[in-house]
């Protein structure tokens, strides 16, 4: 009786589950496209295929357990501010981290492209989504629209990655020569509005101290000091109010993992033949270090595994009875 049960269980596992662990499916999806969009989408699909080949060549066949995949979304100018060149290259790679161009969240997501993206790594398609925005977009209406689109992205991926908000701040003069660092807060799994307020207040002393040091080193290097004053004056209360609906009503479905701030980054000078190289600047270290341990949310049960799960349950009941 026990041998029959174990044999049946093993057969079901092999037939239903193992085939879907493979990632050999071509990345180019077959789906209809609106007129005029076919060429652009096809180019992006080809770019994902080249990314898979690049990662296999650079990190060998086990790249899926070694590399962090981040989807960078937002309006084109905001994505360019935190990841220069990403829109043109579609993906950038460096220090075991890949940035993938996600485009705007102001409209419905490209489900065909997300389907292709899901095939890169089925078990966990993405380690995180970075949403770049500026101060003008930090309104309740805009954030609610983005949150709804993020849920659609998670549905298409069958996986809801943790989200990092990234506000691009304005500066009337260049900050490129300034020593850069991560500025922001990383939230726990059960973040609360009061907790966000405490975390943002906790970074104020370091912003003042490092800001004064940088200002003494260069009169134009005033980002940290200026931003710290803005954050203390109105930024903390603004973000606490803005994030309250997300943290109290939607956190379990769409994990909010962090809130980052930076001025626009300078374009990188890549050598010929390495157009997808990314230096992983210091402002990204908070996100890249955290996303490796942050947890996403599984969305639904893939239809391919439903028969297998059902049969496993029946076999388990049969074996127990």
Protein backbone atom coordinates (compact mmCIF):
# COMPACT_ATOMS: atom_id res chain seq x y z
CA UNK A 1 0.00 0.00 0.00
CA UNK A 2 2.79 2.41 0.93
CA UNK A 3 4.75 1.60 -2.24
CA UNK A 4 1.70 2.28 -4.41
CA UNK A 5 1.12 5.58 -2.66
CA UNK A 6 4.73 6.75 -3.07
CA UNK A 7 4.82 5.69 -6.71
CA UNK A 8 1.61 7.56 -7.50
CA UNK A 9 2.84 10.65 -5.68
CA UNK A 10 6.15 10.66 -7.56
CA UNK A 11 4.41 10.19 -10.91
CA UNK A 12 2.17 13.19 -10.33
CA UNK A 13 5.10 15.34 -9.28
CA UNK A 14 7.07 14.44 -12.38
CA UNK A 15 4.16 14.87 -14.78
CA UNK A 16 2.67 18.13 -13.53
CA UNK A 17 5.30 20.05 -11.64
CA UNK A 18 8.74 19.39 -13.08
CA UNK A 19 8.01 20.42 -16.68
CA UNK A 20 7.01 23.87 -15.51
CA UNK A 21 10.24 24.40 -13.65
CA UNK A 22 12.05 24.72 -16.97
CA UNK A 23 12.78 28.08 -18.53
CA UNK A 24 13.50 26.96 -22.08
CA UNK A 25 10.35 28.52 -23.52
CA UNK A 26 11.20 31.18 -26.11
CA UNK A 27 10.86 34.67 -24.67
CA UNK A 28 8.99 36.13 -27.60
CA UNK A 29 5.26 35.78 -26.79
CA UNK A 30 2.57 35.17 -29.36
CA UNK A 31 -0.20 37.71 -28.94
CA UNK A 32 -2.01 40.32 -31.00
CA UNK A 33 -0.72 43.88 -30.91
CA UNK A 34 -2.44 47.17 -31.70
CA UNK A 35 -1.55 48.68 -35.04
CA UNK A 36 1.68 50.61 -34.89
CA UNK A 37 2.97 48.94 -31.71
CA UNK A 38 4.30 45.69 -33.14
CA UNK A 39 7.79 46.83 -34.06
CA UNK A 40 8.53 48.49 -30.71
CA UNK A 41 7.22 45.58 -28.67
CA UNK A 42 9.08 43.05 -30.80
CA UNK A 43 12.31 44.94 -30.25
CA UNK A 44 11.74 44.86 -26.50
CA UNK A 45 11.05 41.12 -26.61
CA UNK A 46 14.26 40.55 -28.53
CA UNK A 47 16.04 42.62 -25.89
CA UNK A 48 14.78 40.30 -23.15
CA UNK A 49 16.03 37.33 -25.17
CA UNK A 50 19.46 38.93 -25.41
CA UNK A 51 19.36 39.58 -21.66
CA UNK A 52 18.79 35.89 -20.96
CA UNK A 53 21.76 34.93 -23.17
CA UNK A 54 23.92 37.59 -21.50
CA UNK A 55 23.10 36.39 -17.98
CA UNK A 56 23.70 32.75 -18.88
CA UNK A 57 27.05 33.64 -20.39
CA UNK A 58 28.13 35.91 -17.53
CA UNK A 59 26.79 33.99 -14.52
CA UNK A 60 26.47 30.46 -16.03
CA UNK A 61 23.34 28.27 -16.01
CA UNK A 62 22.60 29.07 -12.36
CA UNK A 63 22.24 32.80 -12.92
CA UNK A 64 18.65 32.79 -11.62
CA UNK A 65 19.86 32.26 -8.05
CA UNK A 66 22.69 34.77 -8.36
CA UNK A 67 21.14 37.83 -10.01
CA UNK A 68 18.64 40.41 -8.77
CA UNK A 69 16.05 41.57 -11.31
CA UNK A 70 14.50 45.02 -10.86
CA UNK A 71 11.80 46.56 -13.05
CA UNK A 72 12.18 50.34 -13.21
CA UNK A 73 8.93 52.17 -13.94
CA UNK A 74 7.86 55.80 -14.25
CA UNK A 75 7.72 58.56 -16.80
CA UNK A 76 10.67 58.56 -19.24
CA UNK A 77 12.35 61.62 -17.73
CA UNK A 78 12.15 60.20 -14.21
CA UNK A 79 13.54 56.81 -15.22
CA UNK A 80 16.37 58.61 -17.02
CA UNK A 81 17.06 60.57 -13.83
CA UNK A 82 17.79 57.47 -11.71
CA UNK A 83 18.94 55.05 -14.43
CA UNK A 84 20.45 57.03 -17.33
CA UNK A 85 20.37 55.14 -20.62
CA UNK A 86 17.92 52.46 -19.46
CA UNK A 87 15.14 53.48 -21.86
CA UNK A 88 17.44 53.26 -24.86
CA UNK A 89 19.17 50.03 -23.80
CA UNK A 90 16.03 48.37 -22.28
CA UNK A 91 18.20 46.67 -19.65
CA UNK A 92 21.41 47.38 -17.75
CA UNK A 93 23.51 44.96 -15.70
CA UNK A 94 26.18 45.29 -13.06
CA UNK A 95 27.23 43.76 -9.71
CA UNK A 96 24.70 40.92 -10.02
CA UNK A 97 21.83 43.35 -10.51
CA UNK A 98 19.76 43.88 -13.65
CA UNK A 99 17.61 46.95 -14.26
CA UNK A 100 14.81 46.34 -16.77
CA UNK A 101 12.89 49.17 -18.39
CA UNK A 102 9.26 49.09 -17.27
CA UNK A 103 7.87 52.28 -18.78
CA UNK A 104 5.05 54.44 -17.47
CA UNK A 105 2.38 53.28 -15.04
CA UNK A 106 -0.02 55.95 -16.26
CA UNK A 107 -1.59 53.48 -18.69
CA UNK A 108 -2.39 49.77 -18.73
CA UNK A 109 0.71 47.54 -18.61
CA UNK A 110 2.00 45.65 -21.63
CA UNK A 111 0.83 42.16 -20.65
CA UNK A 112 2.63 40.55 -23.56
CA UNK A 113 5.95 41.95 -22.44
CA UNK A 114 5.25 40.97 -18.83
CA UNK A 115 4.48 37.43 -20.00
CA UNK A 116 7.86 37.34 -21.71
CA UNK A 117 9.48 38.77 -18.61
CA UNK A 118 7.88 36.09 -16.44
CA UNK A 119 9.64 33.43 -18.49
CA UNK A 120 13.05 34.73 -17.50
CA UNK A 121 12.61 33.30 -14.02
CA UNK A 122 9.31 31.60 -13.31
CA UNK A 123 9.65 31.01 -9.58
CA UNK A 124 10.26 34.71 -8.80
CA UNK A 125 10.04 36.86 -11.94
CA UNK A 126 11.27 40.03 -10.21
CA UNK A 127 13.02 40.94 -6.99
CA UNK A 128 11.44 44.38 -6.94
CA UNK A 129 9.80 47.24 -8.80
CA UNK A 130 11.30 50.72 -8.56
CA UNK A 131 8.81 53.50 -9.28
CA UNK A 132 10.48 56.80 -10.10
CA UNK A 133 8.47 59.99 -9.69
CA UNK A 134 8.94 63.67 -8.92
CA UNK A 135 7.34 65.92 -6.32
CA UNK A 136 4.51 66.94 -8.66
CA UNK A 137 3.42 63.31 -8.88
CA UNK A 138 3.26 62.75 -5.14
CA UNK A 139 -0.51 63.21 -4.96
CA UNK A 140 -3.18 60.84 -3.67
CA UNK A 141 -4.81 60.47 -7.09
CA UNK A 142 -1.57 59.74 -8.95
CA UNK A 143 -0.36 57.25 -6.36
CA UNK A 144 -3.72 55.45 -6.36
CA UNK A 145 -3.57 55.10 -10.16
CA UNK A 146 -0.03 53.77 -9.95
CA UNK A 147 -1.05 51.33 -7.23
CA UNK A 148 -3.85 49.94 -9.41
CA UNK A 149 -1.45 49.51 -12.33
CA UNK A 150 1.04 47.76 -10.06
CA UNK A 151 -1.67 45.27 -9.15
CA UNK A 152 -2.23 44.62 -12.86
CA UNK A 153 1.51 44.09 -13.29
CA UNK A 154 1.48 41.57 -10.45
CA UNK A 155 -1.48 39.78 -12.01
CA UNK A 156 0.31 39.44 -15.34
CA UNK A 157 3.48 38.21 -13.62
CA UNK A 158 1.52 35.99 -11.21
CA UNK A 159 3.87 37.51 -8.66
CA UNK A 160 3.64 40.83 -6.82
CA UNK A 161 7.17 42.11 -6.26
CA UNK A 162 7.99 44.51 -3.43
CA UNK A 163 7.85 48.16 -4.50
CA UNK A 164 10.38 50.92 -3.88
CA UNK A 165 9.23 54.49 -4.43
CA UNK A 166 11.97 56.84 -5.59
CA UNK A 167 11.42 60.60 -5.62
CA UNK A 168 13.66 62.56 -7.96
CA UNK A 169 14.37 65.96 -6.41
CA UNK A 170 15.06 69.16 -8.31
CA UNK A 171 18.32 71.08 -8.15
CA UNK A 172 19.18 74.36 -9.82
CA UNK A 173 22.82 73.32 -10.17
CA UNK A 174 24.72 70.14 -10.81
CA UNK A 175 25.30 67.66 -7.97
CA UNK A 176 27.40 65.29 -10.07
CA UNK A 177 30.71 65.93 -8.27
CA UNK A 178 29.18 65.34 -4.85
CA UNK A 179 29.89 62.12 -2.95
CA UNK A 180 26.69 60.12 -3.31
CA UNK A 181 24.97 57.76 -0.89
CA UNK A 182 21.62 56.07 -0.35
CA UNK A 183 19.06 58.49 1.07
CA UNK A 184 15.75 57.15 2.28
CA UNK A 185 14.11 54.48 4.40
CA UNK A 186 13.49 50.75 4.03
CA UNK A 187 10.21 49.57 5.51
CA UNK A 188 9.46 46.37 7.43
CA UNK A 189 6.88 43.89 6.16
CA UNK A 190 4.20 45.37 8.42
CA UNK A 191 4.97 49.03 7.95
CA UNK A 192 2.62 51.60 9.45
CA UNK A 193 2.16 55.35 8.82
CA UNK A 194 3.55 56.11 12.29
CA UNK A 195 6.52 53.85 11.61
CA UNK A 196 7.24 55.61 8.31
CA UNK A 197 7.20 58.94 10.14
CA UNK A 198 9.67 57.66 12.74
CA UNK A 199 12.00 56.26 10.11
CA UNK A 200 12.07 59.48 8.10
CA UNK A 201 12.70 61.55 11.23
CA UNK A 202 15.53 59.22 12.15
CA UNK A 203 17.54 60.15 9.04
CA UNK A 204 17.37 63.92 9.68
CA UNK A 205 20.49 64.11 11.92
CA UNK A 206 22.66 62.30 9.36
CA UNK A 207 21.32 64.51 6.58
CA UNK A 208 22.34 67.61 8.53
CA UNK A 209 25.75 66.26 9.52
CA UNK A 210 26.74 64.91 6.11
CA UNK A 211 25.10 67.86 4.41
CA UNK A 212 27.32 70.33 6.28
CA UNK A 213 30.40 68.25 5.45
CA UNK A 214 29.56 68.23 1.75
CA UNK A 215 28.71 71.92 1.72
CA UNK A 216 32.10 72.71 3.24
CA UNK A 217 33.75 70.59 0.54
CA UNK A 218 31.91 72.39 -2.26
CA UNK A 219 29.45 75.33 -2.15
CA UNK A 220 27.20 73.72 -4.76
CA UNK A 221 26.98 70.36 -2.93
CA UNK A 222 23.92 71.32 -0.93
CA UNK A 223 21.55 68.47 -1.76
CA UNK A 224 21.63 66.67 1.58
CA UNK A 225 21.31 69.82 3.66
CA UNK A 226 18.59 71.34 1.49
CA UNK A 227 16.65 68.11 1.23
CA UNK A 228 16.87 67.51 4.98
CA UNK A 229 15.28 70.90 5.64
CA UNK A 230 12.48 70.23 3.16
CA UNK A 231 11.86 66.80 4.61
CA UNK A 232 11.66 68.13 8.16
CA UNK A 233 9.48 71.10 7.27
CA UNK A 234 6.77 69.37 5.24
CA UNK A 235 8.06 66.19 3.56
CA UNK A 236 7.58 63.79 6.48
CA UNK A 237 3.97 64.76 7.16
CA UNK A 238 3.24 64.75 3.43
CA UNK A 239 4.57 61.24 2.88
CA UNK A 240 2.90 59.92 6.03
CA UNK A 241 -0.48 61.15 4.79
CA UNK A 242 0.15 60.04 1.22
CA UNK A 243 1.18 56.49 2.11
CA UNK A 244 -1.52 55.86 4.73
CA UNK A 245 -4.07 54.28 2.31
CA UNK A 246 -1.40 52.01 0.83
CA UNK A 247 -0.08 50.91 4.22
CA UNK A 248 -3.47 50.37 5.83
CA UNK A 249 -5.45 48.85 2.95
CA UNK A 250 -3.17 47.47 0.22
CA UNK A 251 0.11 46.45 1.88
CA UNK A 252 -0.63 42.71 1.89
CA UNK A 253 -1.41 42.71 -1.84
CA UNK A 254 1.31 45.14 -2.95
CA UNK A 255 4.26 45.21 -0.53
CA UNK A 256 5.76 48.69 -0.13
CA UNK A 257 9.38 48.15 0.79
CA UNK A 258 11.03 51.55 0.73
CA UNK A 259 11.12 55.25 -0.08
CA UNK A 260 14.25 56.71 -1.69
CA UNK A 261 15.34 60.22 -2.68
CA UNK A 262 18.03 61.57 -4.99
CA UNK A 263 18.76 64.29 -7.54
CA UNK A 264 19.19 63.28 -11.17
CA UNK A 265 22.19 61.05 -11.77
CA UNK A 266 24.89 61.76 -14.33
CA UNK A 267 24.98 59.56 -17.46
CA UNK A 268 27.50 56.74 -17.39
CA UNK A 269 30.35 56.58 -19.87
CA UNK A 270 30.36 52.98 -21.08
CA UNK A 271 33.18 51.59 -23.15
CA UNK A 272 32.51 50.37 -26.67
CA UNK A 273 31.16 46.82 -26.71
CA UNK A 274 29.68 47.11 -23.20
CA UNK A 275 26.59 49.17 -23.85
CA UNK A 276 24.54 47.39 -21.16
CA UNK A 277 27.11 47.87 -18.40
CA UNK A 278 25.82 49.48 -15.20
CA UNK A 279 28.11 50.70 -12.43
CA UNK A 280 25.50 50.29 -9.64
CA UNK A 281 26.09 53.74 -8.10
CA UNK A 282 25.96 54.24 -4.34
CA UNK A 283 22.46 55.74 -4.41
CA UNK A 284 21.17 52.31 -5.50
CA UNK A 285 22.88 50.28 -2.76
CA UNK A 286 19.94 50.47 -0.38
CA UNK A 287 17.56 48.97 -2.93
CA UNK A 288 19.93 46.38 -4.38
CA UNK A 289 20.95 45.08 -0.95
CA UNK A 290 17.40 44.93 0.36
CA UNK A 291 15.62 43.38 -2.64
CA UNK A 292 17.64 40.19 -2.29
CA UNK A 293 15.88 39.45 1.01
CA UNK A 294 12.54 41.21 0.51
CA UNK A 295 9.52 38.98 -0.05
CA UNK A 296 6.96 39.34 -2.78
CA UNK A 297 3.44 37.92 -2.88
CA UNK A 298 2.30 35.00 -5.00
CA UNK A 299 -0.74 36.04 -7.06
CA UNK A 300 -3.21 33.18 -7.54
CA UNK A 301 -2.32 29.62 -8.50
CA UNK A 302 -0.92 29.08 -12.01
CA UNK A 303 -3.44 27.09 -14.02
CA UNK A 304 -0.76 24.66 -15.13
CA UNK A 305 -0.26 23.41 -11.57
CA UNK A 306 -3.90 23.25 -10.51
CA UNK A 307 -4.48 19.66 -11.79
CA UNK A 308 -1.31 18.50 -10.09
CA UNK A 309 -2.24 20.12 -6.78
CA UNK A 310 -5.73 18.61 -6.98
CA UNK A 311 -4.40 15.10 -7.67
CA UNK A 312 -1.85 15.40 -4.90
CA UNK A 313 -4.64 16.26 -2.47
CA UNK A 314 -6.71 13.28 -3.65
CA UNK A 315 -3.76 10.91 -3.37
CA UNK A 316 -2.97 12.23 0.11
CA UNK A 317 -6.57 11.64 1.22
CA UNK A 318 -6.52 8.17 -0.33
CA UNK A 319 -3.27 7.30 1.37
CA UNK A 320 -4.49 8.57 4.73
CA UNK A 321 -7.81 6.73 4.46
